[in-house]
Amino acid sequence: MQVQVVLPGVTRTEIFERSSSSLAQVPPSMVMEVEDLVDAALRGFDQGELVTIPSPQDSSEWQALTQARLQLAPDLSHNQPAARYS
């Protein structure tokens, strides 16, 4: 079994037509077409990605964030507040 999470940015869907929101205020360079999103998601799935973020050109930014989060994890829970709060 393979699982994938897709984290799209602004995507042109009918939700904008059905709601009071509008894409008119969003720069066109920030709006992805659904077909492009789906194609990227499927390619990510085929490549075995657990998380697919279609927009960033450089995946190292996501990898750096993931690594930073993993490094922080052991320090997120202690029985006392940090000394800076004493």
N, C-alpha and C. Protein backbone atom coordinates (compact mmCIF):
# COMPACT_ATOMS: atom_id res chain seq x y z
N MET A 1 0.84 -1.16 0.00
CA MET A 1 0.00 0.00 0.00
C MET A 1 0.89 1.23 0.00
N GLN A 2 0.56 2.19 -0.82
CA GLN A 2 1.30 3.44 -0.88
C GLN A 2 0.35 4.58 -0.55
N VAL A 3 0.81 5.47 0.30
CA VAL A 3 0.01 6.62 0.71
C VAL A 3 0.74 7.88 0.27
N GLN A 4 -0.03 8.89 -0.08
CA GLN A 4 0.56 10.15 -0.51
C GLN A 4 -0.31 11.29 0.00
N VAL A 5 0.36 12.36 0.40
CA VAL A 5 -0.32 13.60 0.76
C VAL A 5 0.07 14.64 -0.29
N VAL A 6 -0.90 15.35 -0.82
CA VAL A 6 -0.63 16.40 -1.80
C VAL A 6 -0.96 17.74 -1.14
N LEU A 7 0.00 18.65 -1.17
CA LEU A 7 -0.16 19.97 -0.57
C LEU A 7 -0.13 21.03 -1.67
N PRO A 8 -1.27 21.28 -2.27
CA PRO A 8 -1.30 22.26 -3.37
C PRO A 8 -1.33 23.69 -2.84
N GLY A 9 -0.93 24.58 -3.69
CA GLY A 9 -1.14 26.00 -3.41
C GLY A 9 -2.53 26.36 -3.94
N VAL A 10 -2.69 27.60 -4.34
CA VAL A 10 -3.97 28.04 -4.90
C VAL A 10 -4.20 27.30 -6.21
N THR A 11 -5.35 26.67 -6.32
CA THR A 11 -5.68 25.89 -7.51
C THR A 11 -7.02 26.36 -8.05
N ARG A 12 -7.07 26.54 -9.37
CA ARG A 12 -8.31 27.01 -9.99
C ARG A 12 -9.34 25.87 -9.98
N THR A 13 -10.28 25.96 -9.05
CA THR A 13 -11.35 24.97 -8.96
C THR A 13 -12.68 25.70 -8.87
N GLU A 14 -13.76 24.94 -8.95
CA GLU A 14 -15.09 25.55 -8.92
C GLU A 14 -15.45 26.08 -7.53
N ILE A 15 -14.66 25.77 -6.53
CA ILE A 15 -14.96 26.30 -5.21
C ILE A 15 -14.96 27.83 -5.22
N PHE A 16 -14.11 28.40 -6.05
CA PHE A 16 -14.07 29.86 -6.14
C PHE A 16 -15.32 30.40 -6.82
N GLU A 17 -15.85 29.66 -7.77
CA GLU A 17 -17.08 30.08 -8.44
C GLU A 17 -18.29 29.96 -7.52
N ARG A 18 -18.27 28.95 -6.66
CA ARG A 18 -19.42 28.68 -5.78
C ARG A 18 -19.40 29.50 -4.50
N SER A 19 -18.27 30.06 -4.17
CA SER A 19 -18.18 30.84 -2.93
C SER A 19 -18.09 32.32 -3.27
N SER A 20 -18.00 33.11 -2.24
CA SER A 20 -17.88 34.55 -2.46
C SER A 20 -16.43 34.94 -2.73
N SER A 21 -15.53 33.95 -2.74
CA SER A 21 -14.12 34.23 -3.02
C SER A 21 -13.91 34.43 -4.52
N SER A 22 -12.80 35.05 -4.83
CA SER A 22 -12.49 35.29 -6.24
C SER A 22 -10.99 35.14 -6.44
N LEU A 23 -10.64 34.61 -7.58
CA LEU A 23 -9.22 34.52 -7.92
C LEU A 23 -8.71 35.81 -8.54
N ALA A 24 -9.59 36.79 -8.70
CA ALA A 24 -9.20 38.05 -9.33
C ALA A 24 -8.10 38.76 -8.55
N GLN A 25 -8.06 38.56 -7.24
CA GLN A 25 -7.07 39.23 -6.41
C GLN A 25 -5.75 38.46 -6.32
N VAL A 26 -5.73 37.26 -6.86
CA VAL A 26 -4.53 36.42 -6.77
C VAL A 26 -3.74 36.55 -8.07
N PRO A 27 -2.44 36.83 -7.97
CA PRO A 27 -1.63 36.93 -9.19
C PRO A 27 -1.72 35.62 -9.99
N PRO A 28 -1.91 35.72 -11.29
CA PRO A 28 -2.03 34.51 -12.12
C PRO A 28 -0.85 33.55 -11.96
N SER A 29 0.32 34.08 -11.65
CA SER A 29 1.50 33.22 -11.49
C SER A 29 1.40 32.33 -10.25
N MET A 30 0.40 32.58 -9.39
CA MET A 30 0.23 31.79 -8.18
C MET A 30 -0.91 30.78 -8.29
N VAL A 31 -1.62 30.75 -9.41
CA VAL A 31 -2.80 29.89 -9.54
C VAL A 31 -2.48 28.73 -10.48
N MET A 32 -2.55 27.52 -9.93
CA MET A 32 -2.28 26.32 -10.73
C MET A 32 -3.59 25.78 -11.28
N GLU A 33 -3.53 25.25 -12.47
CA GLU A 33 -4.69 24.60 -13.07
C GLU A 33 -4.82 23.19 -12.49
N VAL A 34 -6.04 22.72 -12.36
CA VAL A 34 -6.31 21.41 -11.76
C VAL A 34 -5.56 20.30 -12.51
N GLU A 35 -5.57 20.37 -13.82
CA GLU A 35 -4.92 19.32 -14.62
C GLU A 35 -3.44 19.24 -14.29
N ASP A 36 -2.79 20.40 -14.14
CA ASP A 36 -1.36 20.42 -13.81
C ASP A 36 -1.12 19.86 -12.40
N LEU A 37 -2.00 20.20 -11.47
CA LEU A 37 -1.89 19.69 -10.11
C LEU A 37 -2.01 18.17 -10.09
N VAL A 38 -3.01 17.65 -10.79
CA VAL A 38 -3.22 16.19 -10.81
C VAL A 38 -2.03 15.49 -11.47
N ASP A 39 -1.55 16.04 -12.58
CA ASP A 39 -0.39 15.43 -13.25
C ASP A 39 0.82 15.38 -12.32
N ALA A 40 1.08 16.48 -11.62
CA ALA A 40 2.22 16.53 -10.70
C ALA A 40 2.02 15.55 -9.55
N ALA A 41 0.80 15.48 -9.02
CA ALA A 41 0.51 14.55 -7.92
C ALA A 41 0.74 13.11 -8.35
N LEU A 42 0.29 12.77 -9.53
CA LEU A 42 0.48 11.40 -10.03
C LEU A 42 1.95 11.09 -10.28
N ARG A 43 2.70 12.08 -10.78
CA ARG A 43 4.14 11.86 -10.98
C ARG A 43 4.83 11.66 -9.64
N GLY A 44 4.44 12.48 -8.66
CA GLY A 44 5.01 12.32 -7.31
C GLY A 44 4.70 10.95 -6.74
N PHE A 45 3.47 10.50 -6.95
CA PHE A 45 3.07 9.16 -6.49
C PHE A 45 3.93 8.09 -7.15
N ASP A 46 4.10 8.21 -8.47
CA ASP A 46 4.91 7.24 -9.21
C ASP A 46 6.36 7.24 -8.73
N GLN A 47 6.84 8.40 -8.26
CA GLN A 47 8.22 8.52 -7.77
C GLN A 47 8.34 8.08 -6.31
N GLY A 48 7.22 7.68 -5.71
CA GLY A 48 7.24 7.19 -4.34
C GLY A 48 7.25 8.28 -3.28
N GLU A 49 6.87 9.50 -3.65
CA GLU A 49 6.85 10.59 -2.67
C GLU A 49 5.74 10.36 -1.64
N LEU A 50 6.06 10.57 -0.39
CA LEU A 50 5.05 10.54 0.66
C LEU A 50 4.29 11.86 0.67
N VAL A 51 5.04 12.95 0.47
CA VAL A 51 4.45 14.29 0.43
C VAL A 51 4.81 14.91 -0.91
N THR A 52 3.81 15.36 -1.64
CA THR A 52 4.02 16.04 -2.91
C THR A 52 3.54 17.47 -2.79
N ILE A 53 4.45 18.40 -3.01
CA ILE A 53 4.12 19.83 -3.04
C ILE A 53 4.46 20.29 -4.46
N PRO A 54 3.47 20.45 -5.32
CA PRO A 54 3.73 20.67 -6.73
C PRO A 54 4.45 21.97 -7.10
N SER A 55 4.33 23.02 -6.31
CA SER A 55 4.83 24.32 -6.74
C SER A 55 6.32 24.58 -6.60
N PRO A 56 6.94 24.28 -5.46
CA PRO A 56 8.36 24.64 -5.32
C PRO A 56 9.24 23.95 -6.35
N GLN A 57 10.12 24.73 -6.98
CA GLN A 57 11.05 24.17 -7.96
C GLN A 57 12.14 23.37 -7.27
N ASP A 58 12.51 23.80 -6.05
CA ASP A 58 13.63 23.19 -5.33
C ASP A 58 13.09 22.38 -4.15
N SER A 59 13.12 21.08 -4.25
CA SER A 59 12.58 20.24 -3.18
C SER A 59 13.46 20.25 -1.94
N SER A 60 14.66 20.80 -2.03
CA SER A 60 15.54 20.83 -0.87
C SER A 60 14.97 21.71 0.24
N GLU A 61 14.13 22.68 -0.09
CA GLU A 61 13.50 23.52 0.94
C GLU A 61 12.59 22.66 1.81
N TRP A 62 11.80 21.78 1.20
CA TRP A 62 10.92 20.89 1.96
C TRP A 62 11.76 19.91 2.78
N GLN A 63 12.82 19.40 2.18
CA GLN A 63 13.69 18.46 2.89
C GLN A 63 14.34 19.13 4.10
N ALA A 64 14.75 20.39 3.97
CA ALA A 64 15.36 21.12 5.09
C ALA A 64 14.34 21.34 6.20
N LEU A 65 13.11 21.69 5.84
CA LEU A 65 12.06 21.87 6.84
C LEU A 65 11.77 20.57 7.58
N THR A 66 11.70 19.48 6.85
CA THR A 66 11.46 18.18 7.46
C THR A 66 12.60 17.82 8.41
N GLN A 67 13.83 18.05 7.99
CA GLN A 67 14.98 17.75 8.85
C GLN A 67 14.96 18.62 10.11
N ALA A 68 14.64 19.90 9.98
CA ALA A 68 14.57 20.80 11.14
C ALA A 68 13.49 20.34 12.11
N ARG A 69 12.36 19.93 11.58
CA ARG A 69 11.26 19.44 12.43
C ARG A 69 11.68 18.19 13.18
N LEU A 70 12.35 17.29 12.51
CA LEU A 70 12.80 16.05 13.16
C LEU A 70 13.84 16.33 14.24
N GLN A 71 14.71 17.31 14.01
CA GLN A 71 15.70 17.68 15.01
C GLN A 71 15.05 18.30 16.24
N LEU A 72 13.98 19.03 16.06
CA LEU A 72 13.29 19.69 17.16
C LEU A 72 12.44 18.72 17.98
N ALA A 73 11.99 17.66 17.38
CA ALA A 73 11.03 16.74 18.01
C ALA A 73 11.42 16.27 19.41
N PRO A 74 12.65 15.83 19.66
CA PRO A 74 12.98 15.34 21.00
C PRO A 74 12.92 16.42 22.09
N ASP A 75 12.94 17.68 21.69
CA ASP A 75 12.97 18.77 22.66
C ASP A 75 11.61 19.43 22.85
N LEU A 76 10.56 18.87 22.28
CA LEU A 76 9.25 19.50 22.34
C LEU A 76 8.46 19.23 23.61
N SER A 77 8.89 18.26 24.40
CA SER A 77 8.13 17.94 25.60
C SER A 77 9.06 17.62 26.76
N HIS A 78 9.00 18.47 27.79
CA HIS A 78 9.77 18.27 29.02
C HIS A 78 8.85 18.54 30.20
N ASN A 79 9.26 18.10 31.39
CA ASN A 79 8.42 18.28 32.57
C ASN A 79 8.52 19.68 33.18
N GLN A 80 9.42 20.51 32.66
CA GLN A 80 9.58 21.88 33.15
C GLN A 80 9.70 22.84 31.97
N PRO A 81 9.22 24.08 32.14
CA PRO A 81 9.41 25.07 31.08
C PRO A 81 10.90 25.38 30.89
N ALA A 82 11.24 25.87 29.74
CA ALA A 82 12.61 26.28 29.46
C ALA A 82 13.04 27.37 30.44
N ALA A 83 14.33 27.42 30.72
CA ALA A 83 14.86 28.39 31.69
C ALA A 83 14.52 29.83 31.33
N ARG A 84 14.38 30.11 30.06
CA ARG A 84 14.08 31.50 29.67
C ARG A 84 12.71 31.95 30.16
N TYR A 85 11.87 31.02 30.63
CA TYR A 85 10.55 31.37 31.15
C TYR A 85 10.51 31.39 32.68
N SER A 86 11.66 31.22 33.32
CA SER A 86 11.72 31.23 34.79
C SER A 86 11.81 32.64 35.33
